[in-house]
Protein backbone atom coordinates (compact mmCIF):
# COMPACT_ATOMS: atom_id res chain seq x y z
CA MET A 1 152.14 177.83 164.24
CA VAL A 2 152.15 180.83 166.55
CA PHE A 3 154.29 180.95 169.67
CA SER A 4 151.38 181.06 172.12
CA ASP A 5 147.59 180.94 171.80
CA SER A 6 146.10 180.49 175.26
CA VAL A 7 142.51 180.82 173.99
CA ASN A 8 142.43 178.23 171.20
CA LYS A 9 145.41 176.20 172.47
CA LEU A 10 147.02 176.26 169.02
CA GLY A 11 150.42 177.68 169.92
CA ILE A 12 153.81 176.04 170.38
CA ILE A 13 153.64 176.69 174.13
CA GLU A 14 150.26 174.97 174.41
CA ASP A 15 151.38 172.06 172.24
CA ILE A 16 154.23 171.37 174.66
CA ASP A 17 151.70 171.13 177.50
CA PHE A 18 149.57 168.81 175.35
CA TRP A 19 152.41 166.35 174.85
CA VAL A 20 153.73 166.15 178.42
CA GLY A 21 150.81 167.32 180.57
CA SER A 22 152.72 170.33 181.85
CA ASP A 23 151.53 173.83 182.71
CA SER A 24 153.09 177.21 183.43
CA ASN A 25 153.99 176.07 186.95
CA SER A 26 155.59 172.70 186.23
CA TYR A 27 157.20 173.98 183.02
CA PRO A 28 157.54 177.80 183.21
CA THR A 29 157.20 179.78 180.00
CA ALA A 30 160.74 181.13 180.34
CA GLN A 31 162.12 177.58 180.34
CA LYS A 32 159.91 176.58 177.42
CA THR A 33 161.11 179.63 175.49
CA ARG A 34 164.75 178.79 176.14
CA ASN A 35 164.27 175.22 174.92
CA ILE A 36 162.21 176.29 171.90
CA ASN A 37 165.01 178.65 170.87
CA ALA A 38 167.57 175.88 171.30
CA TRP A 39 165.53 173.67 168.97
CA LEU A 40 165.10 176.60 166.61
CA ASP A 41 168.89 176.79 166.36
CA ARG A 42 169.00 173.07 165.64
CA GLU A 43 166.38 173.21 162.88
CA VAL A 44 168.02 176.21 161.21
CA SER A 45 171.36 174.38 161.26
CA LEU A 46 169.69 171.44 159.49
CA ILE A 47 168.14 173.83 156.96
CA LEU A 48 171.51 175.43 156.26
CA GLN A 49 173.07 172.00 155.73
CA SER A 50 170.34 171.09 153.24
CA ASP A 51 169.67 174.42 151.53
CA ALA A 52 172.32 174.35 148.80
CA LYS A 53 170.40 175.98 145.95
CA TRP A 54 167.73 178.25 147.47
CA GLU A 55 169.46 180.04 150.31
CA TRP A 56 167.31 180.30 153.42
CA ASP A 57 166.34 183.55 155.11
CA ASP A 58 164.17 183.85 158.21
CA LEU A 59 160.59 184.45 157.05
CA ASN A 60 160.12 187.06 159.77
CA ASN A 61 162.45 189.45 157.96
CA SER A 62 160.68 192.11 155.91
CA ASP A 63 163.74 193.47 154.11
CA LEU A 64 166.43 191.97 151.90
CA PRO A 65 169.63 190.52 153.39
CA VAL A 66 171.76 193.26 151.86
CA GLY A 67 173.86 195.97 153.48
CA THR A 68 175.95 198.85 152.13
CA LEU A 69 178.94 200.93 153.19
CA THR A 70 180.46 204.07 151.75
CA LEU A 71 183.54 203.31 149.68
CA THR A 72 186.16 205.85 150.76
CA SER A 73 189.15 206.93 148.73
CA GLY A 74 192.36 205.53 150.20
CA THR A 75 190.56 203.24 152.67
CA GLN A 76 191.23 199.57 152.14
CA SER A 77 189.74 197.97 155.29
CA TYR A 78 186.04 198.04 156.26
CA ALA A 79 184.30 196.69 159.38
CA ILE A 80 181.07 194.79 158.79
CA ASN A 81 178.26 193.52 161.02
CA THR A 82 179.19 190.22 162.67
CA THR A 83 175.62 189.07 163.45
CA TYR A 84 175.07 187.43 160.07
CA LEU A 85 175.48 183.67 159.63
CA LYS A 86 177.27 183.70 156.29
CA LEU A 87 178.74 186.32 153.95
CA ARG A 88 177.55 185.37 150.46
CA ALA A 89 179.06 188.00 148.20
CA ILE A 90 180.37 191.56 147.95
CA ALA A 91 179.89 194.01 145.09
CA CYS A 92 181.78 197.25 144.56
CA LYS A 93 180.78 200.35 142.60
CA ASP A 94 183.26 201.62 140.07
CA SER A 95 183.84 205.33 139.53
CA ASN A 96 180.86 205.36 137.13
CA GLY A 97 178.48 204.03 139.77
CA VAL A 98 178.19 200.52 138.29
CA TYR A 99 178.35 197.54 140.67
CA HIS A 100 180.74 194.65 139.99
CA TYR A 101 181.05 191.50 142.09
CA LEU A 102 184.41 191.12 143.83
CA ASP A 103 186.37 187.88 143.77
CA ARG A 104 187.07 186.40 147.18
CA ILE A 105 190.71 185.71 148.02
CA ASP A 106 191.47 182.61 150.07
CA GLU A 107 192.36 183.95 153.51
CA SER A 108 195.20 181.44 153.81
CA SER A 109 196.83 182.49 150.54
CA PRO A 110 199.96 184.68 150.39
CA GLN A 111 197.95 187.33 148.54
CA ALA A 112 195.51 187.62 151.45
CA GLY A 113 198.37 187.93 153.87
CA SER A 114 199.93 190.71 151.85
CA ILE A 115 196.80 192.85 151.48
CA GLU A 116 196.11 192.52 155.21
CA LEU A 117 199.22 194.65 155.68
CA MET A 118 197.36 197.64 154.34
CA GLU A 119 200.05 200.22 154.96
CA SER A 120 202.40 198.35 152.67
CA THR A 121 199.82 198.16 149.87
CA LYS A 122 200.41 201.15 147.63
CA THR A 123 198.25 200.12 144.66
CA SER A 124 195.16 202.26 144.18
CA GLY A 125 192.31 202.06 141.69
CA VAL A 126 189.10 200.06 141.38
CA PRO A 127 188.99 197.04 143.75
CA VAL A 128 188.37 193.68 142.08
CA ALA A 129 188.87 191.28 145.01
CA TYR A 130 188.71 191.10 148.80
CA ALA A 131 189.81 189.01 151.76
CA HIS A 132 187.69 188.40 154.86
CA PHE A 133 189.32 188.54 158.30
CA GLY A 134 186.89 188.26 161.23
CA ASN A 135 184.66 191.33 160.97
CA LEU A 136 186.98 193.07 158.50
CA ILE A 137 186.82 193.17 154.73
CA VAL A 138 190.16 194.08 153.14
CA LEU A 139 190.15 195.13 149.49
CA ASP A 140 192.96 194.20 147.13
CA LYS A 141 193.38 197.86 146.16
CA LYS A 142 192.88 201.17 147.90
CA PRO A 143 189.96 202.82 146.07
CA SER A 144 190.94 205.99 144.22
CA TYR A 145 187.47 207.50 144.61
CA THR A 146 184.69 207.95 147.18
CA VAL A 147 181.12 206.85 146.51
CA SER A 148 178.05 206.40 148.73
CA ALA A 149 176.92 202.77 149.13
CA GLY A 150 180.03 201.83 147.20
CA LEU A 151 180.26 198.43 148.88
CA LYS A 152 177.25 196.15 148.87
CA PHE A 153 177.20 193.05 151.11
CA TYR A 154 174.97 190.03 150.53
CA PHE A 155 174.66 187.88 153.62
CA GLN A 156 172.66 185.16 155.32
CA ARG A 157 171.00 186.38 158.49
CA ASN A 158 170.63 184.75 161.85
CA VAL A 159 167.35 183.35 163.11
CA THR A 160 164.74 185.52 164.86
CA TYR A 161 164.45 184.18 168.41
CA PHE A 162 161.33 184.08 170.58
CA THR A 163 160.84 185.88 173.87
CA ALA A 164 158.63 184.64 176.70
CA ALA A 165 156.23 187.53 176.05
CA ASP A 166 155.60 186.58 172.41
CA THR A 167 152.16 185.47 171.27
CA THR A 168 151.59 185.71 167.51
CA ALA A 169 155.27 185.40 166.54
CA THR A 170 156.00 182.40 164.32
CA PRO A 171 159.14 180.40 163.45
CA GLY A 172 160.94 181.66 160.36
CA PHE A 173 160.83 178.43 158.37
CA ALA A 174 158.20 176.43 156.47
CA PRO A 175 154.97 176.17 158.55
CA MET A 176 154.44 172.43 158.08
CA PHE A 177 157.53 171.79 160.22
CA HIS A 178 156.82 174.20 163.09
CA ARG A 179 155.65 171.41 165.39
CA VAL A 180 159.17 170.05 165.66
CA LEU A 181 159.86 172.92 168.10
CA SER A 182 157.09 171.93 170.51
CA LEU A 183 158.02 168.27 170.20
CA GLY A 184 161.65 169.11 170.91
CA ALA A 185 160.88 171.23 173.95
CA ALA A 186 158.51 168.50 175.16
CA LEU A 187 161.32 165.96 174.75
CA ASP A 188 163.60 168.14 176.89
CA TYR A 189 160.98 168.09 179.63
CA THR A 190 160.52 164.31 179.52
CA ILE A 191 164.27 163.74 179.81
CA LYS A 192 164.67 166.33 182.59
CA HIS A 193 161.87 164.77 184.65
CA ASP A 194 162.78 161.17 183.79
CA LEU A 195 159.39 160.33 182.29
CA SER A 196 158.67 156.97 180.70
CA GLU A 197 160.97 155.67 178.00
CA LYS A 198 157.89 154.99 175.87
CA ILE A 199 156.99 158.71 175.77
CA ILE A 200 160.59 159.70 175.05
CA THR A 201 160.80 157.22 172.17
CA ARG A 202 157.52 158.38 170.65
CA LEU A 203 158.54 162.04 170.79
CA GLN A 204 161.97 161.27 169.35
CA ASN A 205 160.47 159.24 166.51
CA ARG A 206 158.15 162.09 165.55
CA ILE A 207 161.03 164.57 165.70
CA ASP A 208 163.19 162.32 163.51
CA LYS A 209 160.44 162.06 160.88
CA LEU A 210 159.79 165.81 160.83
CA GLU A 211 163.49 166.66 160.63
CA ALA A 212 164.05 164.20 157.80
CA ALA A 213 161.14 165.75 155.90
CA LEU A 214 162.39 169.27 156.65
CA MET A 215 165.86 168.49 155.28
CA GLU A 216 164.39 166.86 152.18
CA TYR A 217 162.12 169.87 151.62
CA TYR A 218 164.92 172.43 151.79
CA ALA A 219 167.32 170.24 149.80
CA SER A 220 164.83 169.93 146.93
CA ARG A 221 163.99 173.62 146.52
CA ASP A 222 165.42 175.30 143.45
CA GLN A 223 164.98 178.83 142.18
CA ASP A 224 164.71 178.01 138.49
CA ALA A 225 164.36 174.23 138.04
CA LYS A 226 161.11 172.78 136.78
CA VAL A 227 159.01 171.19 139.51
CA SER A 228 157.57 167.73 138.90
CA ILE A 229 154.43 166.94 140.89
CA SER A 230 152.92 163.48 141.24
CA LEU A 231 149.99 162.12 143.24
CA SER A 232 150.52 159.75 146.14
CA GLN A 233 148.24 158.13 148.69
CA GLU A 234 148.30 159.76 152.12
CA ASP A 235 146.81 158.45 155.34
CA TYR A 236 147.09 161.89 157.01
CA GLY A 237 148.85 160.47 160.02
CA ILE A 238 146.13 157.97 160.94
CA ASN A 239 148.61 155.12 161.26
CA GLU A 240 150.89 157.22 163.47
CA LEU A 241 147.92 158.32 165.58
CA ASN A 242 147.03 154.69 166.21
CA ASP A 243 150.45 154.23 167.83
CA PHE A 244 149.43 156.69 170.55
CA ILE A 245 146.06 155.08 171.27
């Protein structure tokens, strides 16, 4: 579902107007965009709670969620980008150029506290572990060599937000759940303008169903497990549609 399609009325913006009878005057695009992004945050948080096996990345990204830094001889602390959602893993090149994953040290452990005091850490060699403090990565050893892209970071990125000027931009999660954003922003409008409780309840019920399905979808994905498919009868929403007639 694209952000806005004023010609065919197939965008998220237009779907909001469909649900609550609004337009760009009664519900300005800037306000719709703000509320859509708030619901985008909510849906991504639900995905992250559910996505235990197949780790989610915004579908709008065209590159891999991997970054590198030069490993510098004698340097134990490295600043990393703080815009990611989660740091998944770190790998370090040895002096032969081969990457090895580093063990993560519990930041509350005495070992983490000791390596944070970098000046007192005299051990040098090939790092095998790290501690994470804010935007700093502190290695357990001062590297005894320098190598380009010697540290490789695997991370989970933040969501790609919409702007009011967007048109063909799409949400970065599975397309069959995109409508939850327009329903959510429509719900915000109904609450703000104190519309009928019946409309609020109907919107909330649809949101609840979509969010439950979204969480089940992301919880059931697996990178290497066999998928079992069975046939079931579907009414394609006819029963739900009757509730609105």
